[in-house]
Amino acid sequence: MAILEREVTGAVMHLRMNAPERLNALSDEMIAALHGALDEVAEDRSVRAVVLSGTGKAFCAGHDLKQMTAGRQNADGGAAYFKDLFDRCAAMMARIQSLPQPVIAQVHGSATAA
């Protein structure tokens, strides 16, 4: 099962966060998958719009609190992990804003934090 499903319908790229058991949290893996997909979409001139959605009962629960708690176990209390996490998440969010195509969030449930 892919953490991020991609489907093209006509000129629309559907990106579906697919971690319903984790409420589509922005885990390290989800952030990387989203950023990679957005980079690819930016180069694809056949895609005219992007629809971002989630599976399950939540659109997105925000950051993955289990991963963040685990990061606190590092010798520095998680400082380096959190800086890296927030830098990667900010870069992914900036990528959404810089896409040449419009991005539509199809929010169907909880959408929290980032």
PDB file of N, CA and C in Angstrom:
ATOM      1  N   MET A   1       0.851  -1.177   0.000  1.00  0.00           N
ATOM      2  CA  MET A   1       0.000   0.000   0.000  1.00  0.00           C
ATOM      3  C   MET A   1       0.896   1.239   0.000  1.00  0.00           C
ATOM      4  N   ALA A   2       0.689   2.101  -0.957  1.00  0.00           N
ATOM      5  CA  ALA A   2       1.472   3.335  -1.071  1.00  0.00           C
ATOM      6  C   ALA A   2       0.968   4.359  -0.063  1.00  0.00           C
ATOM      7  N   ILE A   3       1.888   5.075   0.549  1.00  0.00           N
ATOM      8  CA  ILE A   3       1.517   6.114   1.513  1.00  0.00           C
ATOM      9  C   ILE A   3       0.882   7.316   0.814  1.00  0.00           C
ATOM     10  N   LEU A   4       1.187   7.461  -0.475  1.00  0.00           N
ATOM     11  CA  LEU A   4       0.599   8.532  -1.282  1.00  0.00           C
ATOM     12  C   LEU A   4       0.154   7.928  -2.607  1.00  0.00           C
ATOM     13  N   GLU A   5      -1.136   7.984  -2.859  1.00  0.00           N
ATOM     14  CA  GLU A   5      -1.681   7.459  -4.113  1.00  0.00           C
ATOM     15  C   GLU A   5      -1.744   8.585  -5.132  1.00  0.00           C
ATOM     16  N   ARG A   6      -1.417   8.247  -6.365  1.00  0.00           N
ATOM     17  CA  ARG A   6      -1.473   9.215  -7.471  1.00  0.00           C
ATOM     18  C   ARG A   6      -2.416   8.678  -8.536  1.00  0.00           C
ATOM     19  N   GLU A   7      -3.242   9.573  -9.039  1.00  0.00           N
ATOM     20  CA  GLU A   7      -4.161   9.197 -10.110  1.00  0.00           C
ATOM     21  C   GLU A   7      -4.380  10.416 -11.001  1.00  0.00           C
ATOM     22  N   VAL A   8      -4.267  10.209 -12.295  1.00  0.00           N
ATOM     23  CA  VAL A   8      -4.509  11.289 -13.241  1.00  0.00           C
ATOM     24  C   VAL A   8      -5.863  11.056 -13.898  1.00  0.00           C
ATOM     25  N   THR A   9      -6.703  12.085 -13.855  1.00  0.00           N
ATOM     26  CA  THR A   9      -8.001  12.073 -14.531  1.00  0.00           C
ATOM     27  C   THR A   9      -8.008  13.276 -15.454  1.00  0.00           C
ATOM     28  N   GLY A  10      -7.898  13.018 -16.751  1.00  0.00           N
ATOM     29  CA  GLY A  10      -7.795  14.120 -17.705  1.00  0.00           C
ATOM     30  C   GLY A  10      -6.523  14.901 -17.422  1.00  0.00           C
ATOM     31  N   ALA A  11      -6.674  16.172 -17.115  1.00  0.00           N
ATOM     32  CA  ALA A  11      -5.519  17.028 -16.831  1.00  0.00           C
ATOM     33  C   ALA A  11      -5.355  17.293 -15.335  1.00  0.00           C
ATOM     34  N   VAL A  12      -6.038  16.496 -14.499  1.00  0.00           N
ATOM     35  CA  VAL A  12      -5.998  16.696 -13.049  1.00  0.00           C
ATOM     36  C   VAL A  12      -5.227  15.562 -12.384  1.00  0.00           C
ATOM     37  N   MET A  13      -4.223  15.935 -11.585  1.00  0.00           N
ATOM     38  CA  MET A  13      -3.476  14.969 -10.787  1.00  0.00           C
ATOM     39  C   MET A  13      -4.109  14.913  -9.403  1.00  0.00           C
ATOM     40  N   HIS A  14      -4.544  13.738  -9.007  1.00  0.00           N
ATOM     41  CA  HIS A  14      -5.096  13.525  -7.673  1.00  0.00           C
ATOM     42  C   HIS A  14      -3.997  12.920  -6.810  1.00  0.00           C
ATOM     43  N   LEU A  15      -3.643  13.603  -5.742  1.00  0.00           N
ATOM     44  CA  LEU A  15      -2.688  13.087  -4.763  1.00  0.00           C
ATOM     45  C   LEU A  15      -3.493  12.777  -3.505  1.00  0.00           C
ATOM     46  N   ARG A  16      -3.505  11.506  -3.108  1.00  0.00           N
ATOM     47  CA  ARG A  16      -4.327  11.063  -1.985  1.00  0.00           C
ATOM     48  C   ARG A  16      -3.421  10.521  -0.888  1.00  0.00           C
ATOM     49  N   MET A  17      -3.376  11.232   0.253  1.00  0.00           N
ATOM     50  CA  MET A  17      -2.618  10.736   1.398  1.00  0.00           C
ATOM     51  C   MET A  17      -3.297   9.463   1.873  1.00  0.00           C
ATOM     52  N   ASN A  18      -2.520   8.381   2.015  1.00  0.00           N
ATOM     53  CA  ASN A  18      -3.101   7.072   2.272  1.00  0.00           C
ATOM     54  C   ASN A  18      -2.468   6.414   3.495  1.00  0.00           C
ATOM     55  N   ALA A  19      -2.675   7.019   4.635  1.00  0.00           N
ATOM     56  CA  ALA A  19      -2.259   6.434   5.912  1.00  0.00           C
ATOM     57  C   ALA A  19      -3.408   6.640   6.905  1.00  0.00           C
ATOM     58  N   PRO A  20      -4.587   6.065   6.602  1.00  0.00           N
ATOM     59  CA  PRO A  20      -5.763   6.339   7.428  1.00  0.00           C
ATOM     60  C   PRO A  20      -5.599   5.901   8.877  1.00  0.00           C
ATOM     61  N   GLU A  21      -4.814   4.862   9.110  1.00  0.00           N
ATOM     62  CA  GLU A  21      -4.605   4.393  10.479  1.00  0.00           C
ATOM     63  C   GLU A  21      -3.817   5.408  11.315  1.00  0.00           C
ATOM     64  N   ARG A  22      -3.123   6.313  10.654  1.00  0.00           N
ATOM     65  CA  ARG A  22      -2.366   7.375  11.319  1.00  0.00           C
ATOM     66  C   ARG A  22      -2.988   8.742  11.023  1.00  0.00           C
ATOM     67  N   LEU A  23      -4.223   8.736  10.549  1.00  0.00           N
ATOM     68  CA  LEU A  23      -4.975   9.950  10.212  1.00  0.00           C
ATOM     69  C   LEU A  23      -4.210  10.830   9.220  1.00  0.00           C
ATOM     70  N   ASN A  24      -3.472  10.156   8.313  1.00  0.00           N
ATOM     71  CA  ASN A  24      -2.700  10.833   7.259  1.00  0.00           C
ATOM     72  C   ASN A  24      -1.728  11.861   7.827  1.00  0.00           C
ATOM     73  N   ALA A  25      -1.143  11.522   8.977  1.00  0.00           N
ATOM     74  CA  ALA A  25      -0.202  12.429   9.644  1.00  0.00           C
ATOM     75  C   ALA A  25       0.991  12.736   8.743  1.00  0.00           C
ATOM     76  N   LEU A  26       1.560  13.910   8.951  1.00  0.00           N
ATOM     77  CA  LEU A  26       2.744  14.333   8.191  1.00  0.00           C
ATOM     78  C   LEU A  26       3.986  13.688   8.793  1.00  0.00           C
ATOM     79  N   SER A  27       4.103  12.397   8.544  1.00  0.00           N
ATOM     80  CA  SER A  27       5.282  11.642   8.967  1.00  0.00           C
ATOM     81  C   SER A  27       6.453  12.010   8.071  1.00  0.00           C
ATOM     82  N   ASP A  28       7.633  11.559   8.448  1.00  0.00           N
ATOM     83  CA  ASP A  28       8.807  11.774   7.593  1.00  0.00           C
ATOM     84  C   ASP A  28       8.537  11.220   6.195  1.00  0.00           C
ATOM     85  N   GLU A  29       7.915  10.050   6.142  1.00  0.00           N
ATOM     86  CA  GLU A  29       7.641   9.390   4.859  1.00  0.00           C
ATOM     87  C   GLU A  29       6.603  10.156   4.049  1.00  0.00           C
ATOM     88  N   MET A  30       5.562  10.664   4.723  1.00  0.00           N
ATOM     89  CA  MET A  30       4.516  11.403   4.010  1.00  0.00           C
ATOM     90  C   MET A  30       5.067  12.706   3.441  1.00  0.00           C
ATOM     91  N   ILE A  31       5.863  13.409   4.233  1.00  0.00           N
ATOM     92  CA  ILE A  31       6.455  14.663   3.760  1.00  0.00           C
ATOM     93  C   ILE A  31       7.318  14.406   2.527  1.00  0.00           C
ATOM     94  N   ALA A  32       8.142  13.364   2.585  1.00  0.00           N
ATOM     95  CA  ALA A  32       9.016  13.037   1.444  1.00  0.00           C
ATOM     96  C   ALA A  32       8.193  12.651   0.218  1.00  0.00           C
ATOM     97  N   ALA A  33       7.148  11.846   0.424  1.00  0.00           N
ATOM     98  CA  ALA A  33       6.316  11.424  -0.708  1.00  0.00           C
ATOM     99  C   ALA A  33       5.602  12.613  -1.339  1.00  0.00           C
ATOM    100  N   LEU A  34       5.049  13.482  -0.513  1.00  0.00           N
ATOM    101  CA  LEU A  34       4.359  14.671  -1.037  1.00  0.00           C
ATOM    102  C   LEU A  34       5.324  15.573  -1.795  1.00  0.00           C
ATOM    103  N   HIS A  35       6.486  15.837  -1.200  1.00  0.00           N
ATOM    104  CA  HIS A  35       7.441  16.740  -1.850  1.00  0.00           C
ATOM    105  C   HIS A  35       7.905  16.162  -3.189  1.00  0.00           C
ATOM    106  N   GLY A  36       8.195  14.873  -3.206  1.00  0.00           N
ATOM    107  CA  GLY A  36       8.619  14.232  -4.458  1.00  0.00           C
ATOM    108  C   GLY A  36       7.547  14.296  -5.530  1.00  0.00           C
ATOM    109  N   ALA A  37       6.306  14.012  -5.143  1.00  0.00           N
ATOM    110  CA  ALA A  37       5.200  14.056  -6.110  1.00  0.00           C
ATOM    111  C   ALA A  37       4.984  15.469  -6.628  1.00  0.00           C
ATOM    112  N   LEU A  38       5.074  16.453  -5.750  1.00  0.00           N
ATOM    113  CA  LEU A  38       4.892  17.843  -6.172  1.00  0.00           C
ATOM    114  C   LEU A  38       5.996  18.289  -7.116  1.00  0.00           C
ATOM    115  N   ASP A  39       7.231  17.854  -6.854  1.00  0.00           N
ATOM    116  CA  ASP A  39       8.332  18.172  -7.771  1.00  0.00           C
ATOM    117  C   ASP A  39       8.065  17.599  -9.157  1.00  0.00           C
ATOM    118  N   GLU A  40       7.567  16.370  -9.210  1.00  0.00           N
ATOM    119  CA  GLU A  40       7.267  15.738 -10.495  1.00  0.00           C
ATOM    120  C   GLU A  40       6.126  16.457 -11.208  1.00  0.00           C
ATOM    121  N   VAL A  41       5.087  16.806 -10.475  1.00  0.00           N
ATOM    122  CA  VAL A  41       3.938  17.494 -11.058  1.00  0.00           C
ATOM    123  C   VAL A  41       4.366  18.841 -11.648  1.00  0.00           C
ATOM    124  N   ALA A  42       5.254  19.536 -10.973  1.00  0.00           N
ATOM    125  CA  ALA A  42       5.701  20.851 -11.440  1.00  0.00           C
ATOM    126  C   ALA A  42       6.305  20.783 -12.832  1.00  0.00           C
ATOM    127  N   GLU A  43       6.904  19.652 -13.171  1.00  0.00           N
ATOM    128  CA  GLU A  43       7.554  19.484 -14.470  1.00  0.00           C
ATOM    129  C   GLU A  43       6.623  18.918 -15.539  1.00  0.00           C
ATOM    130  N   ASP A  44       5.440  18.482 -15.149  1.00  0.00           N
ATOM    131  CA  ASP A  44       4.517  17.820 -16.068  1.00  0.00           C
ATOM    132  C   ASP A  44       3.503  18.829 -16.606  1.00  0.00           C
ATOM    133  N   ARG A  45       3.713  19.294 -17.810  1.00  0.00           N
ATOM    134  CA  ARG A  45       2.838  20.304 -18.407  1.00  0.00           C
ATOM    135  C   ARG A  45       1.474  19.754 -18.807  1.00  0.00           C
ATOM    136  N   SER A  46       1.315  18.429 -18.808  1.00  0.00           N
ATOM    137  CA  SER A  46      -0.001  17.865 -19.113  1.00  0.00           C
ATOM    138  C   SER A  46      -0.941  17.962 -17.905  1.00  0.00           C
ATOM    139  N   VAL A  47      -0.388  18.164 -16.727  1.00  0.00           N
ATOM    140  CA  VAL A  47      -1.203  18.330 -15.517  1.00  0.00           C
ATOM    141  C   VAL A  47      -1.546  19.805 -15.380  1.00  0.00           C
ATOM    142  N   ARG A  48      -2.834  20.107 -15.328  1.00  0.00           N
ATOM    143  CA  ARG A  48      -3.299  21.491 -15.261  1.00  0.00           C
ATOM    144  C   ARG A  48      -3.767  21.901 -13.873  1.00  0.00           C
ATOM    145  N   ALA A  49      -4.017  20.905 -12.990  1.00  0.00           N
ATOM    146  CA  ALA A  49      -4.458  21.183 -11.620  1.00  0.00           C
ATOM    147  C   ALA A  49      -4.127  19.968 -10.752  1.00  0.00           C
ATOM    148  N   VAL A  50      -4.009  20.215  -9.453  1.00  0.00           N
ATOM    149  CA  VAL A  50      -3.725  19.159  -8.482  1.00  0.00           C
ATOM    150  C   VAL A  50      -4.817  19.189  -7.418  1.00  0.00           C
ATOM    151  N   VAL A  51      -5.330  18.007  -7.080  1.00  0.00           N
ATOM    152  CA  VAL A  51      -6.291  17.876  -5.982  1.00  0.00           C
ATOM    153  C   VAL A  51      -5.627  17.018  -4.915  1.00  0.00           C
ATOM    154  N   LEU A  52      -5.493  17.577  -3.713  1.00  0.00           N
ATOM    155  CA  LEU A  52      -4.884  16.880  -2.584  1.00  0.00           C
ATOM    156  C   LEU A  52      -5.982  16.446  -1.630  1.00  0.00           C
ATOM    157  N   SER A  53      -6.022  15.150  -1.334  1.00  0.00           N
ATOM    158  CA  SER A  53      -7.049  14.615  -0.436  1.00  0.00           C
ATOM    159  C   SER A  53      -6.431  13.568   0.472  1.00  0.00           C
ATOM    160  N   GLY A  54      -7.249  13.019   1.347  1.00  0.00           N
ATOM    161  CA  GLY A  54      -6.791  11.972   2.252  1.00  0.00           C
ATOM    162  C   GLY A  54      -7.802  10.845   2.308  1.00  0.00           C
ATOM    163  N   THR A  55      -7.353   9.669   2.717  1.00  0.00           N
ATOM    164  CA  THR A  55      -8.238   8.525   2.896  1.00  0.00           C
ATOM    165  C   THR A  55      -8.607   8.408   4.369  1.00  0.00           C
ATOM    166  N   GLY A  56      -9.685   7.718   4.650  1.00  0.00           N
ATOM    167  CA  GLY A  56     -10.091   7.507   6.034  1.00  0.00           C
ATOM    168  C   GLY A  56     -10.913   8.662   6.568  1.00  0.00           C
ATOM    169  N   LYS A  57     -10.980   8.756   7.893  1.00  0.00           N
ATOM    170  CA  LYS A  57     -11.870   9.735   8.516  1.00  0.00           C
ATOM    171  C   LYS A  57     -11.272  11.122   8.669  1.00  0.00           C
ATOM    172  N   ALA A  58      -9.968  11.276   8.434  1.00  0.00           N
ATOM    173  CA  ALA A  58      -9.328  12.585   8.576  1.00  0.00           C
ATOM    174  C   ALA A  58      -8.615  12.966   7.293  1.00  0.00           C
ATOM    175  N   PHE A  59      -8.604  14.259   7.011  1.00  0.00           N
ATOM    176  CA  PHE A  59      -7.801  14.756   5.894  1.00  0.00           C
ATOM    177  C   PHE A  59      -6.327  14.642   6.278  1.00  0.00           C
ATOM    178  N   CYS A  60      -5.936  15.266   7.392  1.00  0.00           N
ATOM    179  CA  CYS A  60      -4.558  15.198   7.870  1.00  0.00           C
ATOM    180  C   CYS A  60      -4.507  15.630   9.332  1.00  0.00           C
ATOM    181  N   ALA A  61      -3.851  14.835  10.148  1.00  0.00           N
ATOM    182  CA  ALA A  61      -3.762  15.104  11.587  1.00  0.00           C
ATOM    183  C   ALA A  61      -2.591  16.008  11.955  1.00  0.00           C
ATOM    184  N   GLY A  62      -1.897  16.553  10.972  1.00  0.00           N
ATOM    185  CA  GLY A  62      -0.718  17.362  11.291  1.00  0.00           C
ATOM    186  C   GLY A  62       0.499  16.474  11.438  1.00  0.00           C
ATOM    187  N   HIS A  63       1.485  16.940  12.160  1.00  0.00           N
ATOM    188  CA  HIS A  63       2.729  16.174  12.307  1.00  0.00           C
ATOM    189  C   HIS A  63       2.484  14.854  13.035  1.00  0.00           C
ATOM    190  N   ASP A  64       3.337  13.886  12.749  1.00  0.00           N
ATOM    191  CA  ASP A  64       3.258  12.559  13.352  1.00  0.00           C
ATOM    192  C   ASP A  64       3.830  12.629  14.767  1.00  0.00           C
ATOM    193  N   LEU A  65       2.958  12.627  15.751  1.00  0.00           N
ATOM    194  CA  LEU A  65       3.390  12.803  17.143  1.00  0.00           C
ATOM    195  C   LEU A  65       4.233  11.641  17.650  1.00  0.00           C
ATOM    196  N   LYS A  66       4.010  10.428  17.138  1.00  0.00           N
ATOM    197  CA  LYS A  66       4.853   9.291  17.542  1.00  0.00           C
ATOM    198  C   LYS A  66       6.289   9.504  17.084  1.00  0.00           C
ATOM    199  N   GLN A  67       6.469   9.967  15.864  1.00  0.00           N
ATOM    200  CA  GLN A  67       7.825  10.230  15.382  1.00  0.00           C
ATOM    201  C   GLN A  67       8.452  11.384  16.150  1.00  0.00           C
ATOM    202  N   MET A  68       7.666  12.399  16.445  1.00  0.00           N
ATOM    203  CA  MET A  68       8.200  13.540  17.190  1.00  0.00           C
ATOM    204  C   MET A  68       8.609  13.133  18.604  1.00  0.00           C
ATOM    205  N   THR A  69       7.816  12.295  19.238  1.00  0.00           N
ATOM    206  CA  THR A  69       8.159  11.804  20.577  1.00  0.00           C
ATOM    207  C   THR A  69       9.437  10.985  20.531  1.00  0.00           C
ATOM    208  N   ALA A  70       9.574  10.155  19.520  1.00  0.00           N
ATOM    209  CA  ALA A  70      10.798   9.365  19.358  1.00  0.00           C
ATOM    210  C   ALA A  70      12.003  10.275  19.138  1.00  0.00           C
ATOM    211  N   GLY A  71      11.811  11.351  18.412  1.00  0.00           N
ATOM    212  CA  GLY A  71      12.903  12.300  18.167  1.00  0.00           C
ATOM    213  C   GLY A  71      13.415  12.948  19.441  1.00  0.00           C
ATOM    214  N   ARG A  72      12.559  13.092  20.429  1.00  0.00           N
ATOM    215  CA  ARG A  72      12.964  13.679  21.714  1.00  0.00           C
ATOM    216  C   ARG A  72      13.956  12.806  22.472  1.00  0.00           C
ATOM    217  N   GLN A  73      14.067  11.543  22.076  1.00  0.00           N
ATOM    218  CA  GLN A  73      14.976  10.625  22.759  1.00  0.00           C
ATOM    219  C   GLN A  73      16.433  10.836  22.348  1.00  0.00           C
ATOM    220  N   ASN A  74      16.673  11.631  21.322  1.00  0.00           N
ATOM    221  CA  ASN A  74      18.048  11.895  20.882  1.00  0.00           C
ATOM    222  C   ASN A  74      18.802  12.651  21.969  1.00  0.00           C
ATOM    223  N   ALA A  75      20.118  12.567  21.920  1.00  0.00           N
ATOM    224  CA  ALA A  75      20.970  13.182  22.947  1.00  0.00           C
ATOM    225  C   ALA A  75      20.709  14.680  23.106  1.00  0.00           C
ATOM    226  N   ASP A  76      20.337  15.338  22.024  1.00  0.00           N
ATOM    227  CA  ASP A  76      20.085  16.793  22.084  1.00  0.00           C
ATOM    228  C   ASP A  76      18.623  17.116  22.410  1.00  0.00           C
ATOM    229  N   GLY A  77      17.878  16.130  22.854  1.00  0.00           N
ATOM    230  CA  GLY A  77      16.475  16.337  23.183  1.00  0.00           C
ATOM    231  C   GLY A  77      15.593  16.489  21.961  1.00  0.00           C
ATOM    232  N   GLY A  78      16.134  16.212  20.808  1.00  0.00           N
ATOM    233  CA  GLY A  78      15.373  16.289  19.569  1.00  0.00           C
ATOM    234  C   GLY A  78      15.573  17.569  18.781  1.00  0.00           C
ATOM    235  N   ALA A  79      16.447  18.456  19.258  1.00  0.00           N
ATOM    236  CA  ALA A  79      16.620  19.757  18.607  1.00  0.00           C
ATOM    237  C   ALA A  79      16.973  19.615  17.126  1.00  0.00           C
ATOM    238  N   ALA A  80      17.938  18.785  16.798  1.00  0.00           N
ATOM    239  CA  ALA A  80      18.354  18.628  15.396  1.00  0.00           C
ATOM    240  C   ALA A  80      17.238  17.979  14.579  1.00  0.00           C
ATOM    241  N   TYR A  81      16.575  16.969  15.157  1.00  0.00           N
ATOM    242  CA  TYR A  81      15.482  16.307  14.446  1.00  0.00           C
ATOM    243  C   TYR A  81      14.359  17.293  14.153  1.00  0.00           C
ATOM    244  N   PHE A  82      13.958  18.082  15.162  1.00  0.00           N
ATOM    245  CA  PHE A  82      12.857  19.021  14.966  1.00  0.00           C
ATOM    246  C   PHE A  82      13.209  20.106  13.952  1.00  0.00           C
ATOM    247  N   LYS A  83      14.430  20.594  13.978  1.00  0.00           N
ATOM    248  CA  LYS A  83      14.839  21.592  12.992  1.00  0.00           C
ATOM    249  C   LYS A  83      14.744  21.002  11.596  1.00  0.00           C
ATOM    250  N   ASP A  84      15.270  19.792  11.434  1.00  0.00           N
ATOM    251  CA  ASP A  84      15.225  19.128  10.133  1.00  0.00           C
ATOM    252  C   ASP A  84      13.777  18.857   9.713  1.00  0.00           C
ATOM    253  N   LEU A  85      12.960  18.352  10.627  1.00  0.00           N
ATOM    254  CA  LEU A  85      11.560  18.060  10.335  1.00  0.00           C
ATOM    255  C   LEU A  85      10.823  19.308   9.865  1.00  0.00           C
ATOM    256  N   PHE A  86      10.958  20.388  10.615  1.00  0.00           N
ATOM    257  CA  PHE A  86      10.230  21.605  10.273  1.00  0.00           C
ATOM    258  C   PHE A  86      10.777  22.248   9.000  1.00  0.00           C
ATOM    259  N   ASP A  87      12.078  22.125   8.757  1.00  0.00           N
ATOM    260  CA  ASP A  87      12.647  22.620   7.498  1.00  0.00           C
ATOM    261  C   ASP A  87      12.088  21.852   6.306  1.00  0.00           C
ATOM    262  N   ARG A  88      12.021  20.506   6.442  1.00  0.00           N
ATOM    263  CA  ARG A  88      11.492  19.680   5.346  1.00  0.00           C
ATOM    264  C   ARG A  88      10.006  19.945   5.119  1.00  0.00           C
ATOM    265  N   CYS A  89       9.263  20.095   6.197  1.00  0.00           N
ATOM    266  CA  CYS A  89       7.826  20.361   6.068  1.00  0.00           C
ATOM    267  C   CYS A  89       7.600  21.741   5.443  1.00  0.00           C
ATOM    268  N   ALA A  90       8.363  22.735   5.879  1.00  0.00           N
ATOM    269  CA  ALA A  90       8.226  24.084   5.313  1.00  0.00           C
ATOM    270  C   ALA A  90       8.564  24.090   3.829  1.00  0.00           C
ATOM    271  N   ALA A  91       9.589  23.323   3.437  1.00  0.00           N
ATOM    272  CA  ALA A  91       9.962  23.240   2.017  1.00  0.00           C
ATOM    273  C   ALA A  91       8.847  22.588   1.209  1.00  0.00           C
ATOM    274  N   MET A  92       8.206  21.556   1.781  1.00  0.00           N
ATOM    275  CA  MET A  92       7.099  20.897   1.082  1.00  0.00           C
ATOM    276  C   MET A  92       5.914  21.852   0.939  1.00  0.00           C
ATOM    277  N   MET A  93       5.604  22.591   1.996  1.00  0.00           N
ATOM    278  CA  MET A  93       4.491  23.552   1.940  1.00  0.00           C
ATOM    279  C   MET A  93       4.795  24.675   0.937  1.00  0.00           C
ATOM    280  N   ALA A  94       6.040  25.128   0.914  1.00  0.00           N
ATOM    281  CA  ALA A  94       6.435  26.162  -0.052  1.00  0.00           C
ATOM    282  C   ALA A  94       6.327  25.622  -1.476  1.00  0.00           C
ATOM    283  N   ARG A  95       6.604  24.330  -1.645  1.00  0.00           N
ATOM    284  CA  ARG A  95       6.505  23.718  -2.978  1.00  0.00           C
ATOM    285  C   ARG A  95       5.061  23.753  -3.464  1.00  0.00           C
ATOM    286  N   ILE A  96       4.124  23.522  -2.562  1.00  0.00           N
ATOM    287  CA  ILE A  96       2.705  23.603  -2.932  1.00  0.00           C
ATOM    288  C   ILE A  96       2.408  25.000  -3.472  1.00  0.00           C
ATOM    289  N   GLN A  97       2.888  26.013  -2.775  1.00  0.00           N
ATOM    290  CA  GLN A  97       2.611  27.393  -3.171  1.00  0.00           C
ATOM    291  C   GLN A  97       3.314  27.792  -4.459  1.00  0.00           C
ATOM    292  N   SER A  98       4.452  27.170  -4.746  1.00  0.00           N
ATOM    293  CA  SER A  98       5.219  27.571  -5.933  1.00  0.00           C
ATOM    294  C   SER A  98       4.876  26.770  -7.188  1.00  0.00           C
ATOM    295  N   LEU A  99       4.000  25.778  -7.064  1.00  0.00           N
ATOM    296  CA  LEU A  99       3.639  24.994  -8.249  1.00  0.00           C
ATOM    297  C   LEU A  99       3.031  25.894  -9.324  1.00  0.00           C
ATOM    298  N   PRO A 100       3.316  25.611 -10.585  1.00  0.00           N
ATOM    299  CA  PRO A 100       2.676  26.382 -11.654  1.00  0.00           C
ATOM    300  C   PRO A 100       1.190  26.047 -11.788  1.00  0.00           C
ATOM    301  N   GLN A 101       0.787  24.877 -11.289  1.00  0.00           N
ATOM    302  CA  GLN A 101      -0.617  24.475 -11.336  1.00  0.00           C
ATOM    303  C   GLN A 101      -1.304  24.866 -10.023  1.00  0.00           C
ATOM    304  N   PRO A 102      -2.604  25.170 -10.088  1.00  0.00           N
ATOM    305  CA  PRO A 102      -3.343  25.414  -8.849  1.00  0.00           C
ATOM    306  C   PRO A 102      -3.496  24.106  -8.062  1.00  0.00           C
ATOM    307  N   VAL A 103      -3.488  24.222  -6.738  1.00  0.00           N
ATOM    308  CA  VAL A 103      -3.666  23.068  -5.859  1.00  0.00           C
ATOM    309  C   VAL A 103      -4.947  23.273  -5.064  1.00  0.00           C
ATOM    310  N   ILE A 104      -5.803  22.262  -5.091  1.00  0.00           N
ATOM    311  CA  ILE A 104      -7.085  22.301  -4.381  1.00  0.00           C
ATOM    312  C   ILE A 104      -7.031  21.237  -3.293  1.00  0.00           C
ATOM    313  N   ALA A 105      -7.301  21.643  -2.049  1.00  0.00           N
ATOM    314  CA  ALA A 105      -7.383  20.679  -0.956  1.00  0.00           C
ATOM    315  C   ALA A 105      -8.822  20.199  -0.855  1.00  0.00           C
ATOM    316  N   GLN A 106      -9.013  18.911  -0.990  1.00  0.00           N
ATOM    317  CA  GLN A 106     -10.340  18.301  -0.876  1.00  0.00           C
ATOM    318  C   GLN A 106     -10.448  17.766   0.566  1.00  0.00           C
ATOM    319  N   VAL A 107     -10.793  18.662   1.481  1.00  0.00           N
ATOM    320  CA  VAL A 107     -10.818  18.335   2.904  1.00  0.00           C
ATOM    321  C   VAL A 107     -12.153  17.701   3.261  1.00  0.00           C
ATOM    322  N   HIS A 108     -12.090  16.498   3.826  1.00  0.00           N
ATOM    323  CA  HIS A 108     -13.311  15.771   4.138  1.00  0.00           C
ATOM    324  C   HIS A 108     -13.462  15.483   5.627  1.00  0.00           C
ATOM    325  N   GLY A 109     -12.498  15.841   6.421  1.00  0.00           N
ATOM    326  CA  GLY A 109     -12.543  15.576   7.856  1.00  0.00           C
ATOM    327  C   GLY A 109     -11.561  16.492   8.546  1.00  0.00           C
ATOM    328  N   SER A 110     -11.062  16.073   9.688  1.00  0.00           N
ATOM    329  CA  SER A 110     -10.129  16.898  10.453  1.00  0.00           C
ATOM    330  C   SER A 110      -8.911  17.286   9.608  1.00  0.00           C
ATOM    331  N   ALA A 111      -8.542  18.545   9.746  1.00  0.00           N
ATOM    332  CA  ALA A 111      -7.324  19.061   9.123  1.00  0.00           C
ATOM    333  C   ALA A 111      -6.675  19.941  10.185  1.00  0.00           C
ATOM    334  N   THR A 112      -5.632  19.432  10.827  1.00  0.00           N
ATOM    335  CA  THR A 112      -5.048  20.144  11.957  1.00  0.00           C
ATOM    336  C   THR A 112      -3.585  20.462  11.726  1.00  0.00           C
ATOM    337  N   ALA A 113      -3.080  21.345  12.540  1.00  0.00           N
ATOM    338  CA  ALA A 113      -1.670  21.767  12.542  1.00  0.00           C
ATOM    339  C   ALA A 113      -1.278  22.347  11.189  1.00  0.00           C
ATOM    340  N   ALA A 114      -0.192  21.811  10.577  1.00  0.00           N
ATOM    341  CA  ALA A 114       0.317  22.363   9.334  1.00  0.00           C
ATOM    342  C   ALA A 114      -0.719  22.307   8.246  1.00  0.00           C
TER     343      ALA A 114
END
